[in-house]
Amino acid sequence: MLFPNLGQYSLTVSNNILEIYATGAWDVGMANMLNDEMAPIARQFEQHNWAAIVDCRRWVMSTPECQGIVREGIFDNIRNGLKRAAYVVDTNHIKHAQLERTHPQMKSDDPILKAYKREYFTNYLDAIKWLREEGYQP
């Protein structure tokens, strides 16, 4: 059995949306690289509300250790104004379950967390449409 190359990602900012395109299999090093590169981008929004669209259709999944690292990165982004996240995922239920483990603990009474909303889509254009309806423009 052939395994895909180590994961990769690209980050692109368009107006008030950060687009993340993830591919391949991820390990802790890749998760840390993503967080390190996303932190200054999140700060560039200067506490203005912003959204992310995360295209995971070519992502193969990650090691369990990555989930906590990515969850902390997402929480930092929420503290820096991230309000909406649209995840584009194929119909792989295992992949969807693993992505759910990267979701910050939303049971908190923290108003910053309560203002954040994540949705899943199988179609990129549906994700963009939802973000537009929520007030974000690519």
C-alpha atoms as a PDB file:
ATOM      1  CA  MET A   1       0.000   0.000   0.000  1.00  0.00           C
ATOM      2  CA  LEU A   2       1.328   3.431  -0.893  1.00  0.00           C
ATOM      3  CA  PHE A   3       0.908   6.254   1.569  1.00  0.00           C
ATOM      4  CA  PRO A   4       0.640   9.858   0.395  1.00  0.00           C
ATOM      5  CA  ASN A   5       3.467  12.270   0.920  1.00  0.00           C
ATOM      6  CA  LEU A   6       3.651  14.264   4.096  1.00  0.00           C
ATOM      7  CA  GLY A   7       0.942  16.874   4.221  1.00  0.00           C
ATOM      8  CA  GLN A   8       1.069  20.315   2.771  1.00  0.00           C
ATOM      9  CA  TYR A   9      -1.041  23.436   2.985  1.00  0.00           C
ATOM     10  CA  SER A  10      -1.460  26.822   1.422  1.00  0.00           C
ATOM     11  CA  LEU A  11      -2.823  29.974   3.016  1.00  0.00           C
ATOM     12  CA  THR A  12      -4.415  32.789   1.036  1.00  0.00           C
ATOM     13  CA  VAL A  13      -6.148  35.911   2.328  1.00  0.00           C
ATOM     14  CA  SER A  14      -8.909  37.493   0.290  1.00  0.00           C
ATOM     15  CA  ASN A  15     -10.687  40.436   1.937  1.00  0.00           C
ATOM     16  CA  ASN A  16     -11.964  39.100   5.275  1.00  0.00           C
ATOM     17  CA  ILE A  17     -11.536  35.393   4.493  1.00  0.00           C
ATOM     18  CA  LEU A  18      -8.504  33.186   5.067  1.00  0.00           C
ATOM     19  CA  GLU A  19      -8.472  30.226   2.699  1.00  0.00           C
ATOM     20  CA  ILE A  20      -6.650  27.112   3.870  1.00  0.00           C
ATOM     21  CA  TYR A  21      -6.046  24.269   1.441  1.00  0.00           C
ATOM     22  CA  ALA A  22      -4.778  21.116   3.174  1.00  0.00           C
ATOM     23  CA  THR A  23      -3.452  17.991   1.478  1.00  0.00           C
ATOM     24  CA  GLY A  24      -1.764  14.746   2.400  1.00  0.00           C
ATOM     25  CA  ALA A  25      -1.114  13.090   5.750  1.00  0.00           C
ATOM     26  CA  TRP A  26      -0.208  15.343   8.670  1.00  0.00           C
ATOM     27  CA  ASP A  27       2.093  14.896  11.635  1.00  0.00           C
ATOM     28  CA  VAL A  28       2.883  17.106  14.630  1.00  0.00           C
ATOM     29  CA  GLY A  29       5.519  19.056  12.731  1.00  0.00           C
ATOM     30  CA  MET A  30       3.041  19.978   9.998  1.00  0.00           C
ATOM     31  CA  ALA A  31       0.403  21.044  12.551  1.00  0.00           C
ATOM     32  CA  ASN A  32       2.943  23.261  14.334  1.00  0.00           C
ATOM     33  CA  MET A  33       4.066  24.805  11.024  1.00  0.00           C
ATOM     34  CA  LEU A  34       0.472  25.656  10.153  1.00  0.00           C
ATOM     35  CA  ASN A  35      -0.161  27.283  13.537  1.00  0.00           C
ATOM     36  CA  ASP A  36       3.102  29.227  13.340  1.00  0.00           C
ATOM     37  CA  GLU A  37       2.273  30.549   9.882  1.00  0.00           C
ATOM     38  CA  MET A  38      -1.378  31.308  10.663  1.00  0.00           C
ATOM     39  CA  ALA A  39      -0.717  33.298  13.868  1.00  0.00           C
ATOM     40  CA  PRO A  40       0.655  36.461  12.198  1.00  0.00           C
ATOM     41  CA  ILE A  41      -2.018  36.259   9.503  1.00  0.00           C
ATOM     42  CA  ALA A  42      -4.755  36.155  12.153  1.00  0.00           C
ATOM     43  CA  ARG A  43      -3.206  39.179  13.879  1.00  0.00           C
ATOM     44  CA  GLN A  44      -3.265  41.096  10.563  1.00  0.00           C
ATOM     45  CA  PHE A  45      -7.048  41.182  10.771  1.00  0.00           C
ATOM     46  CA  GLU A  46      -6.514  43.440  13.832  1.00  0.00           C
ATOM     47  CA  GLN A  47      -9.441  42.042  15.822  1.00  0.00           C
ATOM     48  CA  HIS A  48     -11.875  42.654  12.951  1.00  0.00           C
ATOM     49  CA  ASN A  49     -14.238  39.771  12.341  1.00  0.00           C
ATOM     50  CA  TRP A  50     -12.981  37.323   9.752  1.00  0.00           C
ATOM     51  CA  ALA A  51     -13.779  33.882   8.407  1.00  0.00           C
ATOM     52  CA  ALA A  52     -11.890  30.854   7.166  1.00  0.00           C
ATOM     53  CA  ILE A  53     -12.665  28.374   4.454  1.00  0.00           C
ATOM     54  CA  VAL A  54     -10.762  25.123   4.953  1.00  0.00           C
ATOM     55  CA  ASP A  55     -10.638  22.808   1.956  1.00  0.00           C
ATOM     56  CA  CYS A  56      -9.909  19.320   3.332  1.00  0.00           C
ATOM     57  CA  ARG A  57     -10.957  17.234   0.357  1.00  0.00           C
ATOM     58  CA  ARG A  58      -7.366  16.199  -0.433  1.00  0.00           C
ATOM     59  CA  TRP A  59      -6.280  16.007   3.199  1.00  0.00           C
ATOM     60  CA  VAL A  60      -5.666  12.411   4.225  1.00  0.00           C
ATOM     61  CA  MET A  61      -5.962  12.877   8.015  1.00  0.00           C
ATOM     62  CA  SER A  62      -3.398  13.267  10.762  1.00  0.00           C
ATOM     63  CA  THR A  63      -1.842  11.656  13.778  1.00  0.00           C
ATOM     64  CA  PRO A  64      -3.914  11.945  16.971  1.00  0.00           C
ATOM     65  CA  GLU A  65      -1.316  14.298  18.496  1.00  0.00           C
ATOM     66  CA  CYS A  66      -2.095  16.855  15.804  1.00  0.00           C
ATOM     67  CA  GLN A  67      -5.674  17.338  16.949  1.00  0.00           C
ATOM     68  CA  GLY A  68      -4.788  19.198  20.145  1.00  0.00           C
ATOM     69  CA  ILE A  69      -2.233  21.361  18.360  1.00  0.00           C
ATOM     70  CA  VAL A  70      -4.713  22.333  15.652  1.00  0.00           C
ATOM     71  CA  ARG A  71      -7.444  22.909  18.270  1.00  0.00           C
ATOM     72  CA  GLU A  72      -5.174  25.374  20.121  1.00  0.00           C
ATOM     73  CA  GLY A  73      -4.399  27.154  16.855  1.00  0.00           C
ATOM     74  CA  ILE A  74      -8.092  27.483  16.084  1.00  0.00           C
ATOM     75  CA  PHE A  75      -8.745  28.823  19.578  1.00  0.00           C
ATOM     76  CA  ASP A  76      -5.987  31.426  19.090  1.00  0.00           C
ATOM     77  CA  ASN A  77      -7.603  32.427  15.793  1.00  0.00           C
ATOM     78  CA  ILE A  78     -10.970  32.805  17.529  1.00  0.00           C
ATOM     79  CA  ARG A  79      -9.329  35.106  20.074  1.00  0.00           C
ATOM     80  CA  ASN A  80      -8.021  37.102  17.083  1.00  0.00           C
ATOM     81  CA  GLY A  81     -11.440  37.635  15.496  1.00  0.00           C
ATOM     82  CA  LEU A  82     -12.263  34.372  13.665  1.00  0.00           C
ATOM     83  CA  LYS A  83     -16.068  34.114  13.718  1.00  0.00           C
ATOM     84  CA  ARG A  84     -16.941  31.635  10.954  1.00  0.00           C
ATOM     85  CA  ALA A  85     -15.231  28.559   9.554  1.00  0.00           C
ATOM     86  CA  ALA A  86     -16.509  26.667   6.526  1.00  0.00           C
ATOM     87  CA  TYR A  87     -14.935  23.221   6.133  1.00  0.00           C
ATOM     88  CA  VAL A  88     -15.134  21.600   2.713  1.00  0.00           C
ATOM     89  CA  VAL A  89     -14.883  17.841   3.231  1.00  0.00           C
ATOM     90  CA  ASP A  90     -15.762  14.816   1.171  1.00  0.00           C
ATOM     91  CA  THR A  91     -18.239  12.320   2.602  1.00  0.00           C
ATOM     92  CA  ASN A  92     -15.568  10.452   4.596  1.00  0.00           C
ATOM     93  CA  HIS A  93     -17.080  10.075   8.070  1.00  0.00           C
ATOM     94  CA  ILE A  94     -13.744   9.223   9.681  1.00  0.00           C
ATOM     95  CA  LYS A  95     -12.220  12.429   8.341  1.00  0.00           C
ATOM     96  CA  HIS A  96     -15.231  14.400   9.562  1.00  0.00           C
ATOM     97  CA  ALA A  97     -14.944  12.841  13.032  1.00  0.00           C
ATOM     98  CA  GLN A  98     -11.253  13.708  13.203  1.00  0.00           C
ATOM     99  CA  LEU A  99     -11.995  17.313  12.227  1.00  0.00           C
ATOM    100  CA  GLU A 100     -14.572  17.501  15.015  1.00  0.00           C
ATOM    101  CA  ARG A 101     -11.784  16.703  17.488  1.00  0.00           C
ATOM    102  CA  THR A 102     -10.057  19.929  16.422  1.00  0.00           C
ATOM    103  CA  HIS A 103     -13.093  21.969  17.443  1.00  0.00           C
ATOM    104  CA  PRO A 104     -12.478  24.153  20.516  1.00  0.00           C
ATOM    105  CA  GLN A 105     -14.575  23.296  23.553  1.00  0.00           C
ATOM    106  CA  MET A 106     -17.776  25.115  22.736  1.00  0.00           C
ATOM    107  CA  LYS A 107     -19.449  24.324  26.062  1.00  0.00           C
ATOM    108  CA  SER A 108     -17.585  27.202  27.624  1.00  0.00           C
ATOM    109  CA  ASP A 109     -19.429  30.324  28.743  1.00  0.00           C
ATOM    110  CA  ASP A 110     -16.717  32.399  27.083  1.00  0.00           C
ATOM    111  CA  PRO A 111     -18.541  34.917  24.817  1.00  0.00           C
ATOM    112  CA  ILE A 112     -15.655  34.797  22.345  1.00  0.00           C
ATOM    113  CA  LEU A 113     -16.275  31.081  21.803  1.00  0.00           C
ATOM    114  CA  LYS A 114     -20.028  31.551  21.598  1.00  0.00           C
ATOM    115  CA  ALA A 115     -19.606  33.993  18.691  1.00  0.00           C
ATOM    116  CA  TYR A 116     -17.744  31.360  16.628  1.00  0.00           C
ATOM    117  CA  LYS A 117     -19.574  29.007  14.285  1.00  0.00           C
ATOM    118  CA  ARG A 118     -18.261  26.103  12.184  1.00  0.00           C
ATOM    119  CA  GLU A 119     -20.142  24.415   9.325  1.00  0.00           C
ATOM    120  CA  TYR A 120     -19.292  21.521   7.014  1.00  0.00           C
ATOM    121  CA  PHE A 121     -19.886  21.344   3.264  1.00  0.00           C
ATOM    122  CA  THR A 122     -19.159  18.837   0.505  1.00  0.00           C
ATOM    123  CA  ASN A 123     -19.143  21.564  -2.141  1.00  0.00           C
ATOM    124  CA  TYR A 124     -16.758  24.533  -2.187  1.00  0.00           C
ATOM    125  CA  LEU A 125     -19.312  26.890  -3.733  1.00  0.00           C
ATOM    126  CA  ASP A 126     -21.844  26.066  -1.004  1.00  0.00           C
ATOM    127  CA  ALA A 127     -19.220  26.970   1.594  1.00  0.00           C
ATOM    128  CA  ILE A 128     -18.558  30.330  -0.114  1.00  0.00           C
ATOM    129  CA  LYS A 129     -22.304  30.976  -0.338  1.00  0.00           C
ATOM    130  CA  TRP A 130     -22.727  30.368   3.403  1.00  0.00           C
ATOM    131  CA  LEU A 131     -19.821  32.672   4.245  1.00  0.00           C
ATOM    132  CA  ARG A 132     -21.335  35.400   2.056  1.00  0.00           C
ATOM    133  CA  GLU A 133     -24.689  34.970   3.805  1.00  0.00           C
ATOM    134  CA  GLU A 134     -22.821  35.390   7.098  1.00  0.00           C
ATOM    135  CA  GLY A 135     -21.289  38.676   5.899  1.00  0.00           C
ATOM    136  CA  TYR A 136     -17.864  37.582   4.620  1.00  0.00           C
ATOM    137  CA  GLN A 137     -16.651  38.320   1.100  1.00  0.00           C
ATOM    138  CA  PRO A 138     -13.795  36.532  -0.678  1.00  0.00           C
END
